[in-house]
N, C-alpha and C. Protein backbone atom coordinates (compact mmCIF):
# COMPACT_ATOMS: atom_id res chain seq x y z
N UNK A 1 4.38 -13.54 -12.95
CA UNK A 1 3.11 -13.47 -13.66
C UNK A 1 2.45 -12.11 -13.47
N UNK A 2 2.43 -11.62 -12.22
CA UNK A 2 1.79 -10.33 -11.98
C UNK A 2 2.57 -9.19 -12.63
N UNK A 3 3.89 -9.33 -12.66
CA UNK A 3 4.70 -8.29 -13.31
C UNK A 3 4.36 -8.22 -14.79
N UNK A 4 4.22 -9.38 -15.46
CA UNK A 4 3.88 -9.39 -16.88
C UNK A 4 2.51 -8.76 -17.12
N UNK A 5 1.56 -9.06 -16.25
CA UNK A 5 0.22 -8.48 -16.38
C UNK A 5 0.27 -6.97 -16.23
N UNK A 6 1.02 -6.50 -15.24
CA UNK A 6 1.17 -5.06 -15.01
C UNK A 6 1.84 -4.39 -16.21
N UNK A 7 2.93 -4.98 -16.69
CA UNK A 7 3.65 -4.40 -17.84
C UNK A 7 2.77 -4.41 -19.09
N UNK A 8 2.02 -5.48 -19.31
CA UNK A 8 1.13 -5.54 -20.47
C UNK A 8 0.04 -4.48 -20.38
N UNK A 9 -0.49 -4.28 -19.19
CA UNK A 9 -1.52 -3.27 -19.00
C UNK A 9 -0.97 -1.87 -19.29
N UNK A 10 0.26 -1.61 -18.84
CA UNK A 10 0.89 -0.32 -19.13
C UNK A 10 1.09 -0.14 -20.64
N UNK A 11 1.49 -1.22 -21.30
CA UNK A 11 1.74 -1.15 -22.74
C UNK A 11 0.46 -0.87 -23.52
N UNK A 12 -0.64 -1.48 -23.11
CA UNK A 12 -1.91 -1.30 -23.81
C UNK A 12 -2.46 0.10 -23.59
N UNK A 13 -2.42 0.58 -22.36
CA UNK A 13 -3.02 1.88 -22.05
C UNK A 13 -2.08 3.04 -22.33
N UNK A 14 -0.78 2.78 -22.33
CA UNK A 14 0.18 3.83 -22.59
C UNK A 14 0.57 4.65 -21.37
N UNK A 15 -0.02 4.35 -20.22
CA UNK A 15 0.36 5.07 -19.00
C UNK A 15 -0.02 4.25 -17.77
N UNK A 16 0.35 4.78 -16.61
CA UNK A 16 0.06 4.09 -15.35
C UNK A 16 -1.21 4.59 -14.68
N UNK A 17 -1.88 5.55 -15.27
CA UNK A 17 -3.00 6.19 -14.58
C UNK A 17 -4.35 5.54 -14.83
N UNK A 18 -4.43 4.57 -15.70
CA UNK A 18 -5.68 3.86 -15.95
C UNK A 18 -6.01 2.98 -14.75
N UNK A 19 -7.30 2.86 -14.46
CA UNK A 19 -7.75 2.08 -13.30
C UNK A 19 -7.22 0.65 -13.34
N UNK A 20 -7.38 -0.03 -14.46
CA UNK A 20 -6.94 -1.43 -14.56
C UNK A 20 -5.44 -1.56 -14.34
N UNK A 21 -4.68 -0.62 -14.87
CA UNK A 21 -3.22 -0.65 -14.68
C UNK A 21 -2.88 -0.49 -13.21
N UNK A 22 -3.58 0.40 -12.51
CA UNK A 22 -3.32 0.60 -11.09
C UNK A 22 -3.75 -0.62 -10.27
N UNK A 23 -4.79 -1.30 -10.69
CA UNK A 23 -5.19 -2.55 -10.02
C UNK A 23 -4.08 -3.60 -10.17
N UNK A 24 -3.56 -3.74 -11.39
CA UNK A 24 -2.47 -4.69 -11.62
C UNK A 24 -1.22 -4.28 -10.83
N UNK A 25 -0.96 -2.98 -10.76
CA UNK A 25 0.17 -2.48 -9.98
C UNK A 25 -0.01 -2.83 -8.51
N UNK A 26 -1.22 -2.65 -7.98
CA UNK A 26 -1.51 -2.99 -6.59
C UNK A 26 -1.29 -4.48 -6.33
N UNK A 27 -1.73 -5.31 -7.25
CA UNK A 27 -1.53 -6.76 -7.10
C UNK A 27 -0.05 -7.12 -7.09
N UNK A 28 0.71 -6.51 -8.00
CA UNK A 28 2.15 -6.75 -8.04
C UNK A 28 2.81 -6.25 -6.76
N UNK A 29 2.42 -5.08 -6.31
CA UNK A 29 2.97 -4.52 -5.08
C UNK A 29 2.72 -5.44 -3.90
N UNK A 30 1.50 -5.95 -3.79
CA UNK A 30 1.17 -6.87 -2.70
C UNK A 30 2.05 -8.11 -2.77
N UNK A 31 2.24 -8.65 -3.96
CA UNK A 31 3.08 -9.85 -4.12
C UNK A 31 4.53 -9.57 -3.74
N UNK A 32 5.04 -8.43 -4.14
CA UNK A 32 6.43 -8.08 -3.80
C UNK A 32 6.61 -7.97 -2.29
N UNK A 33 5.64 -7.38 -1.61
CA UNK A 33 5.72 -7.26 -0.14
C UNK A 33 5.65 -8.64 0.49
N UNK A 34 4.74 -9.48 0.02
CA UNK A 34 4.62 -10.84 0.57
C UNK A 34 5.91 -11.64 0.36
N UNK A 35 6.57 -11.41 -0.76
CA UNK A 35 7.82 -12.11 -1.05
C UNK A 35 9.02 -11.43 -0.40
N UNK A 36 8.75 -10.34 0.33
CA UNK A 36 9.78 -9.56 1.03
C UNK A 36 10.83 -9.01 0.08
N UNK A 37 10.41 -8.63 -1.10
CA UNK A 37 11.27 -7.95 -2.07
C UNK A 37 11.07 -6.44 -1.86
N UNK A 38 11.64 -5.98 -0.76
CA UNK A 38 11.35 -4.66 -0.21
C UNK A 38 11.77 -3.52 -1.13
N UNK A 39 12.97 -3.57 -1.67
CA UNK A 39 13.43 -2.47 -2.53
C UNK A 39 12.54 -2.31 -3.75
N UNK A 40 12.18 -3.42 -4.38
CA UNK A 40 11.29 -3.35 -5.54
C UNK A 40 9.91 -2.82 -5.14
N UNK A 41 9.42 -3.29 -4.00
CA UNK A 41 8.09 -2.87 -3.54
C UNK A 41 8.05 -1.38 -3.24
N UNK A 42 9.03 -0.88 -2.50
CA UNK A 42 9.02 0.55 -2.15
C UNK A 42 9.19 1.41 -3.39
N UNK A 43 10.04 0.99 -4.30
CA UNK A 43 10.23 1.75 -5.54
C UNK A 43 8.94 1.81 -6.35
N UNK A 44 8.29 0.67 -6.53
CA UNK A 44 7.03 0.61 -7.27
C UNK A 44 5.96 1.45 -6.59
N UNK A 45 5.87 1.35 -5.27
CA UNK A 45 4.86 2.11 -4.53
C UNK A 45 5.10 3.61 -4.63
N UNK A 46 6.31 4.03 -4.42
CA UNK A 46 6.62 5.47 -4.45
C UNK A 46 6.41 6.06 -5.85
N UNK A 47 6.56 5.25 -6.87
CA UNK A 47 6.33 5.71 -8.24
C UNK A 47 4.84 5.81 -8.56
N UNK A 48 4.05 4.86 -8.04
CA UNK A 48 2.65 4.76 -8.48
C UNK A 48 1.61 5.31 -7.51
N UNK A 49 1.92 5.45 -6.24
CA UNK A 49 0.94 6.01 -5.30
C UNK A 49 0.52 7.43 -5.70
N UNK A 50 1.46 8.31 -6.06
CA UNK A 50 1.01 9.64 -6.50
C UNK A 50 0.09 9.59 -7.71
N UNK A 51 0.33 8.66 -8.63
CA UNK A 51 -0.55 8.50 -9.79
C UNK A 51 -1.93 8.02 -9.36
N UNK A 52 -1.97 7.09 -8.42
CA UNK A 52 -3.25 6.58 -7.92
C UNK A 52 -4.03 7.69 -7.22
N UNK A 53 -3.35 8.48 -6.41
CA UNK A 53 -4.02 9.59 -5.71
C UNK A 53 -4.58 10.58 -6.73
N UNK A 54 -3.78 10.90 -7.75
CA UNK A 54 -4.21 11.88 -8.76
C UNK A 54 -5.37 11.38 -9.61
N UNK A 55 -5.35 10.10 -9.99
CA UNK A 55 -6.39 9.61 -10.89
C UNK A 55 -7.58 8.97 -10.18
N UNK A 56 -7.37 8.34 -9.04
CA UNK A 56 -8.46 7.67 -8.33
C UNK A 56 -8.93 8.43 -7.10
N UNK A 57 -8.03 9.21 -6.52
CA UNK A 57 -8.35 9.94 -5.29
C UNK A 57 -7.75 9.26 -4.08
N UNK A 58 -7.52 10.03 -3.01
CA UNK A 58 -6.88 9.48 -1.82
C UNK A 58 -7.74 8.48 -1.05
N UNK A 59 -9.06 8.51 -1.25
CA UNK A 59 -9.94 7.61 -0.52
C UNK A 59 -10.33 6.36 -1.27
N UNK A 60 -9.82 6.18 -2.47
CA UNK A 60 -10.13 4.99 -3.25
C UNK A 60 -9.49 3.77 -2.60
N UNK A 61 -10.19 2.64 -2.66
CA UNK A 61 -9.67 1.45 -1.99
C UNK A 61 -8.34 0.97 -2.59
N UNK A 62 -8.13 1.15 -3.88
CA UNK A 62 -6.85 0.76 -4.49
C UNK A 62 -5.73 1.65 -3.95
N UNK A 63 -5.99 2.95 -3.87
CA UNK A 63 -4.99 3.88 -3.33
C UNK A 63 -4.66 3.52 -1.89
N UNK A 64 -5.68 3.24 -1.09
CA UNK A 64 -5.46 2.88 0.31
C UNK A 64 -4.66 1.59 0.44
N UNK A 65 -4.98 0.61 -0.39
CA UNK A 65 -4.25 -0.67 -0.34
C UNK A 65 -2.80 -0.49 -0.75
N UNK A 66 -2.55 0.36 -1.75
CA UNK A 66 -1.17 0.61 -2.17
C UNK A 66 -0.38 1.28 -1.05
N UNK A 67 -1.01 2.24 -0.38
CA UNK A 67 -0.34 2.93 0.73
C UNK A 67 -0.09 1.96 1.89
N UNK A 68 -1.05 1.09 2.14
CA UNK A 68 -0.90 0.08 3.19
C UNK A 68 0.27 -0.85 2.87
N UNK A 69 0.39 -1.27 1.61
CA UNK A 69 1.50 -2.14 1.21
C UNK A 69 2.83 -1.43 1.38
N UNK A 70 2.88 -0.15 1.04
CA UNK A 70 4.11 0.61 1.25
C UNK A 70 4.46 0.64 2.73
N UNK A 71 3.48 0.86 3.58
CA UNK A 71 3.73 0.88 5.03
C UNK A 71 4.25 -0.48 5.50
N UNK A 72 3.70 -1.56 5.00
CA UNK A 72 4.20 -2.90 5.37
C UNK A 72 5.64 -3.07 4.94
N UNK A 73 5.96 -2.61 3.75
CA UNK A 73 7.33 -2.74 3.26
C UNK A 73 8.30 -1.92 4.12
N UNK A 74 7.86 -0.74 4.53
CA UNK A 74 8.72 0.14 5.33
C UNK A 74 8.87 -0.35 6.77
N UNK A 75 8.00 -1.23 7.21
CA UNK A 75 8.03 -1.67 8.61
C UNK A 75 8.66 -3.04 8.79
N UNK A 76 9.46 -3.47 7.83
CA UNK A 76 10.11 -4.77 7.93
C UNK A 76 10.97 -4.86 9.19
N UNK A 77 11.34 -6.05 9.57
CA UNK A 77 12.03 -6.27 10.84
C UNK A 77 13.36 -5.55 10.95
N UNK A 78 14.04 -5.33 9.82
CA UNK A 78 15.35 -4.67 9.88
C UNK A 78 15.29 -3.21 9.45
N UNK A 79 14.10 -2.63 9.49
CA UNK A 79 13.90 -1.25 9.03
C UNK A 79 14.55 -0.25 9.99
N UNK A 80 14.92 0.88 9.42
CA UNK A 80 15.46 1.96 10.24
C UNK A 80 14.32 2.61 11.03
N UNK A 81 14.68 3.34 12.04
CA UNK A 81 13.69 4.07 12.83
C UNK A 81 12.92 5.04 11.94
N UNK A 82 13.60 5.66 11.01
CA UNK A 82 12.96 6.60 10.09
C UNK A 82 11.91 5.90 9.23
N UNK A 83 12.24 4.71 8.69
CA UNK A 83 11.28 3.95 7.88
C UNK A 83 10.08 3.52 8.71
N UNK A 84 10.33 3.06 9.92
CA UNK A 84 9.21 2.64 10.79
C UNK A 84 8.32 3.81 11.14
N UNK A 85 8.93 4.95 11.40
CA UNK A 85 8.16 6.15 11.71
C UNK A 85 7.28 6.54 10.51
N UNK A 86 7.84 6.47 9.31
CA UNK A 86 7.05 6.76 8.11
C UNK A 86 5.92 5.75 7.95
N UNK A 87 6.20 4.48 8.24
CA UNK A 87 5.18 3.44 8.13
C UNK A 87 4.01 3.72 9.08
N UNK A 88 4.31 4.10 10.31
CA UNK A 88 3.26 4.40 11.28
C UNK A 88 2.44 5.60 10.83
N UNK A 89 3.12 6.62 10.32
CA UNK A 89 2.41 7.81 9.82
C UNK A 89 1.47 7.45 8.68
N UNK A 90 1.96 6.62 7.75
CA UNK A 90 1.12 6.18 6.63
C UNK A 90 -0.07 5.38 7.14
N UNK A 91 0.17 4.43 8.04
CA UNK A 91 -0.92 3.59 8.56
C UNK A 91 -1.98 4.42 9.29
N UNK A 92 -1.54 5.37 10.08
CA UNK A 92 -2.50 6.22 10.79
C UNK A 92 -3.33 7.03 9.82
N UNK A 93 -2.69 7.55 8.75
CA UNK A 93 -3.43 8.30 7.75
C UNK A 93 -4.39 7.40 6.98
N UNK A 94 -3.96 6.19 6.66
CA UNK A 94 -4.84 5.24 5.97
C UNK A 94 -6.05 4.91 6.84
N UNK A 95 -5.83 4.71 8.14
CA UNK A 95 -6.93 4.44 9.07
C UNK A 95 -7.94 5.58 9.06
N UNK A 96 -7.43 6.79 9.19
CA UNK A 96 -8.30 7.97 9.24
C UNK A 96 -9.06 8.13 7.93
N UNK A 97 -8.38 8.00 6.81
CA UNK A 97 -9.03 8.15 5.51
C UNK A 97 -10.09 7.07 5.29
N UNK A 98 -9.77 5.84 5.64
CA UNK A 98 -10.72 4.73 5.48
C UNK A 98 -11.97 4.97 6.32
N UNK A 99 -11.80 5.45 7.56
CA UNK A 99 -12.96 5.74 8.40
C UNK A 99 -13.81 6.85 7.80
N UNK A 100 -13.17 7.88 7.25
CA UNK A 100 -13.91 8.98 6.64
C UNK A 100 -14.67 8.53 5.40
N UNK A 101 -14.03 7.71 4.59
CA UNK A 101 -14.63 7.28 3.33
C UNK A 101 -15.65 6.18 3.51
N UNK A 102 -15.30 5.16 4.28
CA UNK A 102 -16.14 3.97 4.40
C UNK A 102 -17.01 3.95 5.64
N UNK A 103 -16.72 4.83 6.61
CA UNK A 103 -17.47 4.87 7.85
C UNK A 103 -16.96 3.84 8.85
N UNK A 104 -17.27 4.08 10.09
CA UNK A 104 -16.77 3.21 11.17
C UNK A 104 -17.35 1.80 11.08
N UNK A 105 -18.55 1.65 10.54
CA UNK A 105 -19.19 0.34 10.48
C UNK A 105 -18.84 -0.44 9.22
N UNK A 106 -18.07 0.16 8.31
CA UNK A 106 -17.73 -0.51 7.05
C UNK A 106 -16.76 -1.66 7.32
N UNK A 107 -16.75 -2.65 6.44
CA UNK A 107 -15.79 -3.74 6.59
C UNK A 107 -14.37 -3.18 6.57
N UNK A 108 -13.48 -3.86 7.23
CA UNK A 108 -12.10 -3.40 7.25
C UNK A 108 -11.50 -3.51 5.86
N UNK A 109 -10.81 -2.47 5.48
CA UNK A 109 -10.14 -2.44 4.18
C UNK A 109 -8.65 -2.57 4.41
N UNK A 110 -8.06 -3.63 3.89
CA UNK A 110 -6.61 -3.86 3.98
C UNK A 110 -6.10 -3.72 5.41
N UNK A 111 -6.87 -4.20 6.36
CA UNK A 111 -6.53 -4.15 7.79
C UNK A 111 -6.22 -2.73 8.27
N UNK A 112 -6.71 -1.71 7.55
CA UNK A 112 -6.34 -0.34 7.88
C UNK A 112 -6.89 0.10 9.22
N UNK A 113 -7.96 -0.54 9.69
CA UNK A 113 -8.54 -0.14 10.97
C UNK A 113 -8.11 -1.06 12.11
N UNK A 114 -7.12 -1.89 11.86
CA UNK A 114 -6.68 -2.84 12.85
C UNK A 114 -5.57 -2.23 13.70
N UNK A 115 -5.93 -1.70 14.83
CA UNK A 115 -4.97 -1.01 15.69
C UNK A 115 -3.85 -1.93 16.17
N UNK A 116 -4.13 -3.22 16.29
CA UNK A 116 -3.08 -4.16 16.68
C UNK A 116 -1.93 -4.15 15.68
N UNK A 117 -2.27 -4.01 14.38
CA UNK A 117 -1.22 -3.98 13.37
C UNK A 117 -0.35 -2.73 13.53
N UNK A 118 -0.98 -1.59 13.73
CA UNK A 118 -0.23 -0.35 13.94
C UNK A 118 0.66 -0.49 15.16
N UNK A 119 0.11 -1.02 16.26
CA UNK A 119 0.90 -1.20 17.48
C UNK A 119 2.08 -2.13 17.24
N UNK A 120 1.87 -3.18 16.44
CA UNK A 120 2.96 -4.11 16.15
C UNK A 120 4.07 -3.42 15.37
N UNK A 121 3.71 -2.53 14.47
CA UNK A 121 4.72 -1.81 13.69
C UNK A 121 5.54 -0.90 14.60
N UNK A 122 4.88 -0.25 15.53
CA UNK A 122 5.57 0.65 16.45
C UNK A 122 6.52 -0.12 17.34
N UNK A 123 6.10 -1.28 17.81
CA UNK A 123 6.93 -2.04 18.74
C UNK A 123 7.98 -2.89 18.03
N UNK A 124 7.88 -3.00 16.70
CA UNK A 124 8.90 -3.73 15.96
C UNK A 124 8.54 -5.16 15.62
N UNK A 125 7.38 -5.63 16.01
CA UNK A 125 6.96 -6.99 15.62
C UNK A 125 6.33 -6.89 14.24
N UNK A 126 7.11 -7.09 13.22
CA UNK A 126 6.67 -6.80 11.85
C UNK A 126 6.17 -8.03 11.13
N UNK A 127 5.44 -7.79 10.08
CA UNK A 127 4.87 -8.73 9.14
C UNK A 127 3.67 -9.47 9.69
N UNK A 128 3.55 -9.61 10.96
CA UNK A 128 2.37 -10.26 11.54
C UNK A 128 1.88 -9.44 12.72
N UNK A 129 0.57 -9.32 12.81
CA UNK A 129 0.00 -8.57 13.94
C UNK A 129 -0.50 -9.52 14.98
């Protein structure tokens, strides 16, 4: 269902850079990660995160959520050391950006300020913090 919504949004707008299309892409990305469809999730994220950064900015909550989902996908239980290292780098950057944009007292966005989650990724306990 989310894939159809995302594809329909792309068809109507003609590109992936429209806000609504990126929202649908984020929703699809989240679903793919939850369903552990890692290859599809990483491919979709790597294709659309640069578009989100360019059109919405690096501090936008949709951009941050997409980057967070990519980090979750890269930190799966059978991930290589290289993928886990990239996931930690992404999560640390998302944490720093979220603090800069939303402030330390702002509600947590996509668990980006949850240090337990970052620690779990480093130690290899994936998908749950």
